[in-house]
Amino acid sequence: MPTIQRTIKRQLRGVIETAAATVAPLGWRLGREPQLAILMYHRVLPKSDPRCADEQPGMWVSPETLSMHLQVLRQHFELVHLDNWLTHRSAGRELPRRACAITFDDGWRDNFEFAFPVLRRHQAPATIFLVSDFIGGSYTFWPNQLIASLRAASGVHEVRSWPGPLASVLADALLSAGSWPPDDETLDDVIKCCKRTFSDTQMRDWLSGLGAVESRIKRDLLDWAEIQQMADSGLVRFGSHSRRHTRLLACLDPALIRDEVTGSKATLEACLGRPVNLFCYPNGDVSSVAESEVRREYLGAVLTTPGWNQGMIDPHRLRRVGLHEDIAKRPEGFVSRLAGWL
């Protein structure tokens, strides 16, 4: 996007944020039917942390931003455990008029390092969705591998030499951006393009052919000791995010889909010693086979579809509000995003 367009976009966003910070809370207070806002976070990293360099801009918030979010939420919402809200609704119990449930996807190690202390300080309940087969391992998600590889490349000419059709798709996307090295917005667009065009298996195979990218940290994801410590606090509960973060598309073998849905639940329950009754669809992708399995195995499931949830919402198609540092580092921006204005 040209610089002048980005400038206009930022200025317009500032106007919207200012208006939303005043108007949106008034609308919330007028609502009569019970409503549930589910917030979707991924990573929590200090702005100076080197891991931010290999992460999509839409994937992280700073600890300070998360703390500010919780302060704002306390002014307008009752913070709840997501599974409690669903259980109470199913039993016909009275629900808060405005409830908010906090969720984190993937089970990043920084959820323990930086999010957990903030949650404890604010006594805020949360659910973390875990990829069961990756817990405690050194697995790196392919978008992070791609970003690291692009940052290490010398230019578009080098990208053209990468394996498979990935090279031409990336080169076209990067050339249309018009500058090197690619900025955060360009990297985000490139990753979205790859998700639309290629499967997870293709991306992993092609990127592995480039050689190992040195990780700035030996382990990206939570281990069982960290998970247990958070579980013992009573503040953090855990749901399934599949076995291998496989996008549950209709083209997949139904047996593989069932394994991703049910196998992850079995592993998590065996290790945690408690029920796991919530599921999070990787990348928000839902097929009929996946949905059928999830409905049979879980109390509820969350999507990436934006929006709030009314009292009669389908518990296996819960909407969420995605949050990240760029869009919500100011209270006005957070309120705007929460209200659906941005």
C-alpha atoms as a PDB file:
ATOM      1  CA  MET A   1       0.000   0.000   0.000  1.00  0.00           C
ATOM      2  CA  PRO A   2       1.492   3.394  -0.949  1.00  0.00           C
ATOM      3  CA  THR A   3       2.664   5.619   1.922  1.00  0.00           C
ATOM      4  CA  ILE A   4       0.047   8.328   1.371  1.00  0.00           C
ATOM      5  CA  GLN A   5      -2.765   5.765   1.564  1.00  0.00           C
ATOM      6  CA  ARG A   6      -1.370   4.379   4.788  1.00  0.00           C
ATOM      7  CA  THR A   7      -1.206   7.878   6.252  1.00  0.00           C
ATOM      8  CA  ILE A   8      -4.842   8.550   5.368  1.00  0.00           C
ATOM      9  CA  LYS A   9      -5.804   5.165   6.776  1.00  0.00           C
ATOM     10  CA  ARG A  10      -4.086   5.928  10.097  1.00  0.00           C
ATOM     11  CA  GLN A  11      -5.728   9.345  10.347  1.00  0.00           C
ATOM     12  CA  LEU A  12      -9.168   7.884   9.642  1.00  0.00           C
ATOM     13  CA  ARG A  13      -8.586   5.193  12.220  1.00  0.00           C
ATOM     14  CA  GLY A  14      -7.768   7.837  14.822  1.00  0.00           C
ATOM     15  CA  VAL A  15     -11.088   9.570  14.196  1.00  0.00           C
ATOM     16  CA  ILE A  16     -12.994   6.279  14.482  1.00  0.00           C
ATOM     17  CA  GLU A  17     -11.181   5.334  17.685  1.00  0.00           C
ATOM     18  CA  THR A  18     -12.031   8.643  19.359  1.00  0.00           C
ATOM     19  CA  ALA A  19     -15.709   8.340  18.448  1.00  0.00           C
ATOM     20  CA  ALA A  20     -15.945   4.688  19.479  1.00  0.00           C
ATOM     21  CA  ALA A  21     -14.380   5.286  22.892  1.00  0.00           C
ATOM     22  CA  THR A  22     -17.319   7.588  23.725  1.00  0.00           C
ATOM     23  CA  VAL A  23     -20.235   6.032  21.875  1.00  0.00           C
ATOM     24  CA  ALA A  24     -19.670   2.262  22.080  1.00  0.00           C
ATOM     25  CA  PRO A  25     -19.823   1.896  25.905  1.00  0.00           C
ATOM     26  CA  LEU A  26     -23.146   3.749  25.903  1.00  0.00           C
ATOM     27  CA  GLY A  27     -24.543   1.195  23.495  1.00  0.00           C
ATOM     28  CA  TRP A  28     -23.222  -1.669  25.614  1.00  0.00           C
ATOM     29  CA  ARG A  29     -25.057  -0.387  28.673  1.00  0.00           C
ATOM     30  CA  LEU A  30     -28.348  -0.203  26.761  1.00  0.00           C
ATOM     31  CA  GLY A  31     -28.242  -3.866  25.718  1.00  0.00           C
ATOM     32  CA  ARG A  32     -30.830  -6.067  27.417  1.00  0.00           C
ATOM     33  CA  GLU A  33     -30.013  -9.574  26.183  1.00  0.00           C
ATOM     34  CA  PRO A  34     -26.982 -11.332  27.751  1.00  0.00           C
ATOM     35  CA  GLN A  35     -23.934 -10.947  25.530  1.00  0.00           C
ATOM     36  CA  LEU A  36     -20.539 -12.617  25.542  1.00  0.00           C
ATOM     37  CA  ALA A  37     -17.415 -11.086  23.999  1.00  0.00           C
ATOM     38  CA  ILE A  38     -14.611 -13.616  23.495  1.00  0.00           C
ATOM     39  CA  LEU A  39     -11.188 -12.064  22.983  1.00  0.00           C
ATOM     40  CA  MET A  40      -8.641 -13.841  20.788  1.00  0.00           C
ATOM     41  CA  TYR A  41      -4.966 -13.367  21.597  1.00  0.00           C
ATOM     42  CA  HIS A  42      -1.917 -15.323  20.496  1.00  0.00           C
ATOM     43  CA  ARG A  43       1.432 -14.113  21.831  1.00  0.00           C
ATOM     44  CA  VAL A  44       2.385 -11.705  24.608  1.00  0.00           C
ATOM     45  CA  LEU A  45       5.880 -10.267  24.131  1.00  0.00           C
ATOM     46  CA  PRO A  46       7.741  -7.163  25.284  1.00  0.00           C
ATOM     47  CA  LYS A  47       8.269  -4.753  22.411  1.00  0.00           C
ATOM     48  CA  SER A  48      12.043  -5.205  22.714  1.00  0.00           C
ATOM     49  CA  ASP A  49      11.883  -9.008  22.591  1.00  0.00           C
ATOM     50  CA  PRO A  50      13.782 -10.377  19.545  1.00  0.00           C
ATOM     51  CA  ARG A  51      10.984 -12.883  18.929  1.00  0.00           C
ATOM     52  CA  CYS A  52       8.822 -10.017  17.655  1.00  0.00           C
ATOM     53  CA  ALA A  53      11.081  -9.797  14.591  1.00  0.00           C
ATOM     54  CA  ASP A  54       9.919 -13.200  13.297  1.00  0.00           C
ATOM     55  CA  GLU A  55       6.261 -12.770  14.150  1.00  0.00           C
ATOM     56  CA  GLN A  56       3.290 -11.457  12.217  1.00  0.00           C
ATOM     57  CA  PRO A  57       2.227  -8.025  13.466  1.00  0.00           C
ATOM     58  CA  GLY A  58      -1.275  -9.368  14.055  1.00  0.00           C
ATOM     59  CA  MET A  59      -0.046 -12.082  16.400  1.00  0.00           C
ATOM     60  CA  TRP A  60       1.183 -10.328  19.527  1.00  0.00           C
ATOM     61  CA  VAL A  61       0.499  -7.735  22.193  1.00  0.00           C
ATOM     62  CA  SER A  62       2.882  -6.397  24.831  1.00  0.00           C
ATOM     63  CA  PRO A  63       2.351  -7.203  28.532  1.00  0.00           C
ATOM     64  CA  GLU A  64       1.565  -3.518  29.098  1.00  0.00           C
ATOM     65  CA  THR A  65      -1.120  -3.571  26.410  1.00  0.00           C
ATOM     66  CA  LEU A  66      -2.682  -6.743  27.821  1.00  0.00           C
ATOM     67  CA  SER A  67      -2.765  -5.151  31.282  1.00  0.00           C
ATOM     68  CA  MET A  68      -4.476  -2.062  29.870  1.00  0.00           C
ATOM     69  CA  HIS A  69      -7.053  -4.259  28.131  1.00  0.00           C
ATOM     70  CA  LEU A  70      -7.920  -5.974  31.402  1.00  0.00           C
ATOM     71  CA  GLN A  71      -8.292  -2.632  33.159  1.00  0.00           C
ATOM     72  CA  VAL A  72     -10.715  -1.417  30.480  1.00  0.00           C
ATOM     73  CA  LEU A  73     -12.637  -4.695  30.513  1.00  0.00           C
ATOM     74  CA  ARG A  74     -13.197  -4.510  34.266  1.00  0.00           C
ATOM     75  CA  GLN A  75     -15.028  -1.213  33.708  1.00  0.00           C
ATOM     76  CA  HIS A  76     -17.571  -2.681  31.293  1.00  0.00           C
ATOM     77  CA  PHE A  77     -17.692  -6.503  31.589  1.00  0.00           C
ATOM     78  CA  GLU A  78     -17.761  -9.408  33.981  1.00  0.00           C
ATOM     79  CA  LEU A  79     -14.750 -11.592  33.196  1.00  0.00           C
ATOM     80  CA  VAL A  80     -15.709 -15.272  33.016  1.00  0.00           C
ATOM     81  CA  HIS A  81     -14.300 -18.677  32.203  1.00  0.00           C
ATOM     82  CA  LEU A  82     -15.679 -19.564  28.782  1.00  0.00           C
ATOM     83  CA  ASP A  83     -16.709 -23.090  29.757  1.00  0.00           C
ATOM     84  CA  ASN A  84     -18.501 -21.764  32.863  1.00  0.00           C
ATOM     85  CA  TRP A  85     -20.551 -19.372  30.718  1.00  0.00           C
ATOM     86  CA  LEU A  86     -21.550 -22.209  28.383  1.00  0.00           C
ATOM     87  CA  THR A  87     -22.399 -24.554  31.255  1.00  0.00           C
ATOM     88  CA  HIS A  88     -24.509 -21.909  32.984  1.00  0.00           C
ATOM     89  CA  ARG A  89     -26.338 -21.131  29.757  1.00  0.00           C
ATOM     90  CA  SER A  90     -27.029 -24.820  29.111  1.00  0.00           C
ATOM     91  CA  ALA A  91     -28.430 -25.189  32.646  1.00  0.00           C
ATOM     92  CA  GLY A  92     -30.705 -22.181  32.199  1.00  0.00           C
ATOM     93  CA  ARG A  93     -28.924 -20.138  34.859  1.00  0.00           C
ATOM     94  CA  GLU A  94     -28.888 -16.355  34.762  1.00  0.00           C
ATOM     95  CA  LEU A  95     -26.048 -14.931  32.683  1.00  0.00           C
ATOM     96  CA  PRO A  96     -24.239 -11.598  33.055  1.00  0.00           C
ATOM     97  CA  ARG A  97     -25.589  -8.919  30.725  1.00  0.00           C
ATOM     98  CA  ARG A  98     -22.076  -8.254  29.468  1.00  0.00           C
ATOM     99  CA  ALA A  99     -19.571 -11.070  29.917  1.00  0.00           C
ATOM    100  CA  CYS A 100     -16.075 -11.379  28.488  1.00  0.00           C
ATOM    101  CA  ALA A 101     -13.939 -14.501  28.098  1.00  0.00           C
ATOM    102  CA  ILE A 102     -10.219 -14.287  27.276  1.00  0.00           C
ATOM    103  CA  THR A 103      -8.582 -16.879  25.009  1.00  0.00           C
ATOM    104  CA  PHE A 104      -5.072 -17.493  23.699  1.00  0.00           C
ATOM    105  CA  ASP A 105      -4.358 -19.675  20.651  1.00  0.00           C
ATOM    106  CA  ASP A 106      -1.455 -22.115  20.068  1.00  0.00           C
ATOM    107  CA  GLY A 107       0.072 -22.377  23.558  1.00  0.00           C
ATOM    108  CA  TRP A 108       3.109 -20.136  23.175  1.00  0.00           C
ATOM    109  CA  ARG A 109       5.757 -20.213  25.887  1.00  0.00           C
ATOM    110  CA  ASP A 110       5.411 -16.464  26.307  1.00  0.00           C
ATOM    111  CA  ASN A 111       1.857 -17.052  27.551  1.00  0.00           C
ATOM    112  CA  PHE A 112       3.540 -18.391  30.692  1.00  0.00           C
ATOM    113  CA  GLU A 113       6.414 -15.907  30.731  1.00  0.00           C
ATOM    114  CA  PHE A 114       4.470 -12.694  30.158  1.00  0.00           C
ATOM    115  CA  ALA A 115       0.695 -13.268  29.958  1.00  0.00           C
ATOM    116  CA  PHE A 116       0.321 -15.367  33.100  1.00  0.00           C
ATOM    117  CA  PRO A 117       1.814 -12.747  35.466  1.00  0.00           C
ATOM    118  CA  VAL A 118      -0.581 -10.142  34.024  1.00  0.00           C
ATOM    119  CA  LEU A 119      -3.564 -12.479  34.407  1.00  0.00           C
ATOM    120  CA  ARG A 120      -2.602 -13.167  38.033  1.00  0.00           C
ATOM    121  CA  ARG A 121      -2.158  -9.484  38.813  1.00  0.00           C
ATOM    122  CA  HIS A 122      -5.650  -8.735  37.511  1.00  0.00           C
ATOM    123  CA  GLN A 123      -7.155 -12.060  38.658  1.00  0.00           C
ATOM    124  CA  ALA A 124      -8.461 -12.541  35.131  1.00  0.00           C
ATOM    125  CA  PRO A 125      -9.637 -16.017  34.001  1.00  0.00           C
ATOM    126  CA  ALA A 126      -8.487 -17.272  30.601  1.00  0.00           C
ATOM    127  CA  THR A 127      -8.426 -20.294  28.298  1.00  0.00           C
ATOM    128  CA  ILE A 128      -5.344 -21.346  26.338  1.00  0.00           C
ATOM    129  CA  PHE A 129      -5.876 -23.594  23.323  1.00  0.00           C
ATOM    130  CA  LEU A 130      -3.027 -26.112  23.024  1.00  0.00           C
ATOM    131  CA  VAL A 131      -1.639 -28.006  20.025  1.00  0.00           C
ATOM    132  CA  SER A 132      -1.173 -31.278  21.862  1.00  0.00           C
ATOM    133  CA  ASP A 133       1.616 -32.881  19.800  1.00  0.00           C
ATOM    134  CA  PHE A 134       3.804 -29.750  19.940  1.00  0.00           C
ATOM    135  CA  ILE A 135       3.827 -29.242  23.716  1.00  0.00           C
ATOM    136  CA  GLY A 136       7.372 -28.980  25.057  1.00  0.00           C
ATOM    137  CA  GLY A 137       8.926 -29.492  21.625  1.00  0.00           C
ATOM    138  CA  SER A 138      10.982 -27.317  19.311  1.00  0.00           C
ATOM    139  CA  TYR A 139       8.399 -27.071  16.520  1.00  0.00           C
ATOM    140  CA  THR A 140       8.244 -23.716  14.721  1.00  0.00           C
ATOM    141  CA  PHE A 141       5.064 -22.705  12.884  1.00  0.00           C
ATOM    142  CA  TRP A 142       5.612 -22.194   9.174  1.00  0.00           C
ATOM    143  CA  PRO A 143       4.596 -18.475   9.145  1.00  0.00           C
ATOM    144  CA  ASN A 144       7.459 -17.807  11.574  1.00  0.00           C
ATOM    145  CA  GLN A 145       9.826 -19.834   9.401  1.00  0.00           C
ATOM    146  CA  LEU A 146       8.696 -17.890   6.350  1.00  0.00           C
ATOM    147  CA  ILE A 147       9.202 -14.502   7.992  1.00  0.00           C
ATOM    148  CA  ALA A 148      12.675 -15.478   9.223  1.00  0.00           C
ATOM    149  CA  SER A 149      13.613 -16.775   5.762  1.00  0.00           C
ATOM    150  CA  LEU A 150      12.367 -13.622   4.028  1.00  0.00           C
ATOM    151  CA  ARG A 151      14.237 -11.386   6.466  1.00  0.00           C
ATOM    152  CA  ALA A 152      17.401 -13.407   5.819  1.00  0.00           C
ATOM    153  CA  ALA A 153      17.024 -13.258   2.024  1.00  0.00           C
ATOM    154  CA  SER A 154      19.029 -10.733   0.028  1.00  0.00           C
ATOM    155  CA  GLY A 155      16.162  -9.739  -2.231  1.00  0.00           C
ATOM    156  CA  VAL A 156      13.332 -10.883  -4.493  1.00  0.00           C
ATOM    157  CA  HIS A 157      15.878 -12.427  -6.876  1.00  0.00           C
ATOM    158  CA  GLU A 158      16.869 -14.908  -4.151  1.00  0.00           C
ATOM    159  CA  VAL A 159      13.242 -15.701  -3.333  1.00  0.00           C
ATOM    160  CA  ARG A 160      12.693 -16.645  -6.990  1.00  0.00           C
ATOM    161  CA  SER A 161      15.171 -19.497  -6.485  1.00  0.00           C
ATOM    162  CA  TRP A 162      13.160 -21.067  -3.655  1.00  0.00           C
ATOM    163  CA  PRO A 163      11.534 -24.486  -4.225  1.00  0.00           C
ATOM    164  CA  GLY A 164       8.209 -25.218  -5.905  1.00  0.00           C
ATOM    165  CA  PRO A 165       5.403 -22.818  -6.847  1.00  0.00           C
ATOM    166  CA  LEU A 166       6.029 -20.971  -3.585  1.00  0.00           C
ATOM    167  CA  ALA A 167       8.808 -18.966  -5.259  1.00  0.00           C
ATOM    168  CA  SER A 168       6.662 -17.349  -7.946  1.00  0.00           C
ATOM    169  CA  VAL A 169       3.744 -16.624  -5.596  1.00  0.00           C
ATOM    170  CA  LEU A 170       6.037 -14.947  -3.089  1.00  0.00           C
ATOM    171  CA  ALA A 171       7.974 -13.020  -5.720  1.00  0.00           C
ATOM    172  CA  ASP A 172       4.791 -11.619  -7.258  1.00  0.00           C
ATOM    173  CA  ALA A 173       3.444 -10.556  -3.861  1.00  0.00           C
ATOM    174  CA  LEU A 174       6.725  -8.952  -2.839  1.00  0.00           C
ATOM    175  CA  LEU A 175       7.178  -7.124  -6.124  1.00  0.00           C
ATOM    176  CA  SER A 176       3.684  -5.653  -5.881  1.00  0.00           C
ATOM    177  CA  ALA A 177       4.655  -4.180  -2.495  1.00  0.00           C
ATOM    178  CA  GLY A 178       7.433  -2.291  -4.260  1.00  0.00           C
ATOM    179  CA  SER A 179      10.152  -2.278  -1.604  1.00  0.00           C
ATOM    180  CA  TRP A 180      12.745  -4.476   0.057  1.00  0.00           C
ATOM    181  CA  PRO A 181      13.031  -5.601   2.785  1.00  0.00           C
ATOM    182  CA  PRO A 182       9.289  -6.239   3.190  1.00  0.00           C
ATOM    183  CA  ASP A 183       7.587  -4.340   5.983  1.00  0.00           C
ATOM    184  CA  ASP A 184       5.208  -5.892   8.535  1.00  0.00           C
ATOM    185  CA  GLU A 185       2.081  -5.211   6.498  1.00  0.00           C
ATOM    186  CA  THR A 186       3.592  -6.827   3.416  1.00  0.00           C
ATOM    187  CA  LEU A 187       4.670  -9.878   5.416  1.00  0.00           C
ATOM    188  CA  ASP A 188       1.171 -10.217   6.818  1.00  0.00           C
ATOM    189  CA  ASP A 189      -0.327 -10.067   3.308  1.00  0.00           C
ATOM    190  CA  VAL A 190       2.179 -12.638   2.028  1.00  0.00           C
ATOM    191  CA  ILE A 191       1.283 -15.114   4.781  1.00  0.00           C
ATOM    192  CA  LYS A 192      -2.431 -14.692   4.096  1.00  0.00           C
ATOM    193  CA  CYS A 193      -1.768 -15.322   0.413  1.00  0.00           C
ATOM    194  CA  CYS A 194       0.154 -18.529   1.214  1.00  0.00           C
ATOM    195  CA  LYS A 195      -2.670 -19.765   3.442  1.00  0.00           C
ATOM    196  CA  ARG A 196      -5.157 -19.248   0.617  1.00  0.00           C
ATOM    197  CA  THR A 197      -2.933 -20.905  -1.980  1.00  0.00           C
ATOM    198  CA  PHE A 198      -1.070 -23.771  -0.313  1.00  0.00           C
ATOM    199  CA  SER A 199      -1.617 -26.457   2.308  1.00  0.00           C
ATOM    200  CA  ASP A 200       0.252 -26.546   5.615  1.00  0.00           C
ATOM    201  CA  THR A 201       2.127 -29.643   4.454  1.00  0.00           C
ATOM    202  CA  GLN A 202       3.294 -27.925   1.272  1.00  0.00           C
ATOM    203  CA  MET A 203       4.505 -24.881   3.180  1.00  0.00           C
ATOM    204  CA  ARG A 204       6.387 -26.959   5.736  1.00  0.00           C
ATOM    205  CA  ASP A 205       8.009 -29.112   3.048  1.00  0.00           C
ATOM    206  CA  TRP A 206       9.116 -26.161   0.900  1.00  0.00           C
ATOM    207  CA  LEU A 207      10.458 -24.165   3.828  1.00  0.00           C
ATOM    208  CA  SER A 208      12.339 -27.139   5.230  1.00  0.00           C
ATOM    209  CA  GLY A 209      14.097 -27.341   1.872  1.00  0.00           C
ATOM    210  CA  LEU A 210      15.624 -23.928   2.542  1.00  0.00           C
ATOM    211  CA  GLY A 211      17.571 -25.289   5.484  1.00  0.00           C
ATOM    212  CA  ALA A 212      17.044 -24.721   9.184  1.00  0.00           C
ATOM    213  CA  VAL A 213      16.469 -21.146  10.271  1.00  0.00           C
ATOM    214  CA  GLU A 214      18.257 -20.402  13.536  1.00  0.00           C
ATOM    215  CA  SER A 215      15.728 -19.852  16.285  1.00  0.00           C
ATOM    216  CA  ARG A 216      16.255 -17.021  18.748  1.00  0.00           C
ATOM    217  CA  ILE A 217      14.817 -19.249  21.457  1.00  0.00           C
ATOM    218  CA  LYS A 218      15.204 -22.990  21.896  1.00  0.00           C
ATOM    219  CA  ARG A 219      11.533 -23.611  22.652  1.00  0.00           C
ATOM    220  CA  ASP A 220       8.637 -21.537  21.329  1.00  0.00           C
ATOM    221  CA  LEU A 221       5.766 -23.436  22.947  1.00  0.00           C
ATOM    222  CA  LEU A 222       4.656 -24.302  26.478  1.00  0.00           C
ATOM    223  CA  ASP A 223       5.850 -27.433  28.249  1.00  0.00           C
ATOM    224  CA  TRP A 224       3.831 -29.562  30.647  1.00  0.00           C
ATOM    225  CA  ALA A 225       5.378 -28.088  33.801  1.00  0.00           C
ATOM    226  CA  GLU A 226       4.356 -24.562  32.735  1.00  0.00           C
ATOM    227  CA  ILE A 227       0.891 -25.755  31.773  1.00  0.00           C
ATOM    228  CA  GLN A 228       0.428 -27.491  35.115  1.00  0.00           C
ATOM    229  CA  GLN A 229       1.544 -24.425  37.067  1.00  0.00           C
ATOM    230  CA  MET A 230      -1.015 -22.279  35.254  1.00  0.00           C
ATOM    231  CA  ALA A 231      -3.723 -24.911  35.692  1.00  0.00           C
ATOM    232  CA  ASP A 232      -3.008 -25.119  39.431  1.00  0.00           C
ATOM    233  CA  SER A 233      -3.648 -21.382  39.744  1.00  0.00           C
ATOM    234  CA  GLY A 234      -7.316 -21.874  38.890  1.00  0.00           C
ATOM    235  CA  LEU A 235      -7.151 -18.849  36.597  1.00  0.00           C
ATOM    236  CA  VAL A 236      -6.100 -20.623  33.411  1.00  0.00           C
ATOM    237  CA  ARG A 237      -7.940 -23.497  31.771  1.00  0.00           C
ATOM    238  CA  PHE A 238      -7.006 -25.348  28.613  1.00  0.00           C
ATOM    239  CA  GLY A 239      -8.746 -26.380  25.424  1.00  0.00           C
ATOM    240  CA  SER A 240      -7.728 -28.259  22.298  1.00  0.00           C
ATOM    241  CA  HIS A 241      -6.327 -26.612  19.184  1.00  0.00           C
ATOM    242  CA  SER A 242      -5.940 -29.996  17.401  1.00  0.00           C
ATOM    243  CA  ARG A 243      -2.973 -32.356  17.471  1.00  0.00           C
ATOM    244  CA  ARG A 244      -0.719 -30.666  14.880  1.00  0.00           C
ATOM    245  CA  HIS A 245      -2.444 -27.354  14.094  1.00  0.00           C
ATOM    246  CA  THR A 246      -3.858 -28.880  10.916  1.00  0.00           C
ATOM    247  CA  ARG A 247      -6.411 -26.744   9.094  1.00  0.00           C
ATOM    248  CA  LEU A 248      -9.501 -28.980   9.126  1.00  0.00           C
ATOM    249  CA  LEU A 249     -10.471 -28.525   5.484  1.00  0.00           C
ATOM    250  CA  ALA A 250     -13.045 -30.591   3.600  1.00  0.00           C
ATOM    251  CA  CYS A 251     -10.323 -32.000   1.326  1.00  0.00           C
ATOM    252  CA  LEU A 252      -8.639 -33.868   4.196  1.00  0.00           C
ATOM    253  CA  ASP A 253      -9.106 -37.562   4.943  1.00  0.00           C
ATOM    254  CA  PRO A 254     -11.959 -37.856   7.489  1.00  0.00           C
ATOM    255  CA  ALA A 255      -9.803 -40.224   9.568  1.00  0.00           C
ATOM    256  CA  LEU A 256      -7.124 -37.528   9.839  1.00  0.00           C
ATOM    257  CA  ILE A 257      -9.710 -34.952  10.899  1.00  0.00           C
ATOM    258  CA  ARG A 258     -11.073 -37.285  13.577  1.00  0.00           C
ATOM    259  CA  ASP A 259      -7.571 -37.909  14.867  1.00  0.00           C
ATOM    260  CA  GLU A 260      -6.820 -34.194  15.079  1.00  0.00           C
ATOM    261  CA  VAL A 261     -10.052 -33.535  17.002  1.00  0.00           C
ATOM    262  CA  THR A 262     -10.271 -36.555  19.296  1.00  0.00           C
ATOM    263  CA  GLY A 263      -6.587 -37.423  19.657  1.00  0.00           C
ATOM    264  CA  SER A 264      -5.727 -33.996  21.028  1.00  0.00           C
ATOM    265  CA  LYS A 265      -8.522 -34.211  23.604  1.00  0.00           C
ATOM    266  CA  ALA A 266      -7.345 -37.622  24.799  1.00  0.00           C
ATOM    267  CA  THR A 267      -3.736 -36.457  25.189  1.00  0.00           C
ATOM    268  CA  LEU A 268      -4.636 -33.264  27.028  1.00  0.00           C
ATOM    269  CA  GLU A 269      -7.067 -34.940  29.412  1.00  0.00           C
ATOM    270  CA  ALA A 270      -4.595 -37.720  30.224  1.00  0.00           C
ATOM    271  CA  CYS A 271      -1.814 -35.243  31.049  1.00  0.00           C
ATOM    272  CA  LEU A 272      -3.934 -32.609  32.798  1.00  0.00           C
ATOM    273  CA  GLY A 273      -6.092 -35.051  34.740  1.00  0.00           C
ATOM    274  CA  ARG A 274      -9.211 -33.011  34.084  1.00  0.00           C
ATOM    275  CA  PRO A 275     -11.832 -32.650  31.320  1.00  0.00           C
ATOM    276  CA  VAL A 276     -10.994 -30.664  28.184  1.00  0.00           C
ATOM    277  CA  ASN A 277     -14.320 -29.453  26.833  1.00  0.00           C
ATOM    278  CA  LEU A 278     -13.445 -26.584  24.463  1.00  0.00           C
ATOM    279  CA  PHE A 279     -12.047 -26.703  20.930  1.00  0.00           C
ATOM    280  CA  CYS A 280     -10.464 -24.024  18.747  1.00  0.00           C
ATOM    281  CA  TYR A 281     -10.411 -24.557  14.976  1.00  0.00           C
ATOM    282  CA  PRO A 282      -6.898 -23.940  13.562  1.00  0.00           C
ATOM    283  CA  ASN A 283      -7.032 -20.856  11.348  1.00  0.00           C
ATOM    284  CA  GLY A 284     -10.815 -20.844  11.905  1.00  0.00           C
ATOM    285  CA  ASP A 285     -11.322 -23.451   9.143  1.00  0.00           C
ATOM    286  CA  VAL A 286     -14.375 -25.690   9.599  1.00  0.00           C
ATOM    287  CA  SER A 287     -15.528 -28.653   7.501  1.00  0.00           C
ATOM    288  CA  SER A 288     -18.674 -30.704   8.032  1.00  0.00           C
ATOM    289  CA  VAL A 289     -16.669 -33.724   9.212  1.00  0.00           C
ATOM    290  CA  ALA A 290     -14.679 -31.603  11.665  1.00  0.00           C
ATOM    291  CA  GLU A 291     -17.775 -29.890  13.013  1.00  0.00           C
ATOM    292  CA  SER A 292     -19.533 -33.221  13.530  1.00  0.00           C
ATOM    293  CA  GLU A 293     -16.575 -34.580  15.506  1.00  0.00           C
ATOM    294  CA  VAL A 294     -16.250 -31.410  17.567  1.00  0.00           C
ATOM    295  CA  ARG A 295     -19.954 -31.378  18.438  1.00  0.00           C
ATOM    296  CA  ARG A 296     -19.701 -34.960  19.660  1.00  0.00           C
ATOM    297  CA  GLU A 297     -16.565 -34.427  21.758  1.00  0.00           C
ATOM    298  CA  TYR A 298     -16.722 -30.868  23.129  1.00  0.00           C
ATOM    299  CA  LEU A 299     -19.032 -28.562  25.037  1.00  0.00           C
ATOM    300  CA  GLY A 300     -18.195 -25.658  22.722  1.00  0.00           C
ATOM    301  CA  ALA A 301     -15.858 -24.418  20.002  1.00  0.00           C
ATOM    302  CA  VAL A 302     -14.491 -21.057  18.885  1.00  0.00           C
ATOM    303  CA  LEU A 303     -13.928 -19.649  15.415  1.00  0.00           C
ATOM    304  CA  THR A 304     -11.961 -16.667  14.130  1.00  0.00           C
ATOM    305  CA  THR A 305     -15.176 -15.084  12.805  1.00  0.00           C
ATOM    306  CA  PRO A 306     -15.432 -11.593  14.335  1.00  0.00           C
ATOM    307  CA  GLY A 307     -18.275 -10.501  16.557  1.00  0.00           C
ATOM    308  CA  TRP A 308     -19.985 -10.969  19.909  1.00  0.00           C
ATOM    309  CA  ASN A 309     -22.194 -13.845  21.010  1.00  0.00           C
ATOM    310  CA  GLN A 310     -25.823 -13.475  22.054  1.00  0.00           C
ATOM    311  CA  GLY A 311     -27.442 -15.780  24.575  1.00  0.00           C
ATOM    312  CA  MET A 312     -28.824 -18.131  21.886  1.00  0.00           C
ATOM    313  CA  ILE A 313     -25.575 -18.487  19.896  1.00  0.00           C
ATOM    314  CA  ASP A 314     -24.586 -21.962  18.664  1.00  0.00           C
ATOM    315  CA  PRO A 315     -22.011 -23.049  21.300  1.00  0.00           C
ATOM    316  CA  HIS A 316     -19.898 -24.750  18.633  1.00  0.00           C
ATOM    317  CA  ARG A 317     -19.673 -21.660  16.431  1.00  0.00           C
ATOM    318  CA  LEU A 318     -18.604 -18.977  18.866  1.00  0.00           C
ATOM    319  CA  ARG A 319     -17.339 -15.697  17.435  1.00  0.00           C
ATOM    320  CA  ARG A 320     -14.275 -13.873  18.744  1.00  0.00           C
ATOM    321  CA  VAL A 321     -12.634 -10.457  18.645  1.00  0.00           C
ATOM    322  CA  GLY A 322      -9.037 -10.683  17.419  1.00  0.00           C
ATOM    323  CA  LEU A 323      -6.559  -8.363  19.121  1.00  0.00           C
ATOM    324  CA  HIS A 324      -2.972  -7.342  18.491  1.00  0.00           C
ATOM    325  CA  GLU A 325      -0.560  -4.561  19.340  1.00  0.00           C
ATOM    326  CA  ASP A 326      -0.974  -2.478  16.203  1.00  0.00           C
ATOM    327  CA  ILE A 327      -4.760  -2.207  16.389  1.00  0.00           C
ATOM    328  CA  ALA A 328      -5.241  -2.058  20.170  1.00  0.00           C
ATOM    329  CA  LYS A 329      -2.254  -0.501  21.937  1.00  0.00           C
ATOM    330  CA  ARG A 330      -4.342   2.545  22.927  1.00  0.00           C
ATOM    331  CA  PRO A 331      -7.515   2.313  25.050  1.00  0.00           C
ATOM    332  CA  GLU A 332      -9.474   4.041  22.271  1.00  0.00           C
ATOM    333  CA  GLY A 333      -8.235   1.526  19.720  1.00  0.00           C
ATOM    334  CA  PHE A 334      -9.061  -1.386  22.014  1.00  0.00           C
ATOM    335  CA  VAL A 335     -12.623  -0.148  22.573  1.00  0.00           C
ATOM    336  CA  SER A 336     -13.067   0.417  18.822  1.00  0.00           C
ATOM    337  CA  ARG A 337     -11.900  -3.093  18.018  1.00  0.00           C
ATOM    338  CA  LEU A 338     -14.033  -4.585  20.767  1.00  0.00           C
ATOM    339  CA  ALA A 339     -17.074  -2.726  19.460  1.00  0.00           C
ATOM    340  CA  GLY A 340     -16.451  -3.922  15.896  1.00  0.00           C
ATOM    341  CA  TRP A 341     -15.769  -0.410  14.573  1.00  0.00           C
ATOM    342  CA  LEU A 342     -12.309  -1.420  13.297  1.00  0.00           C
END
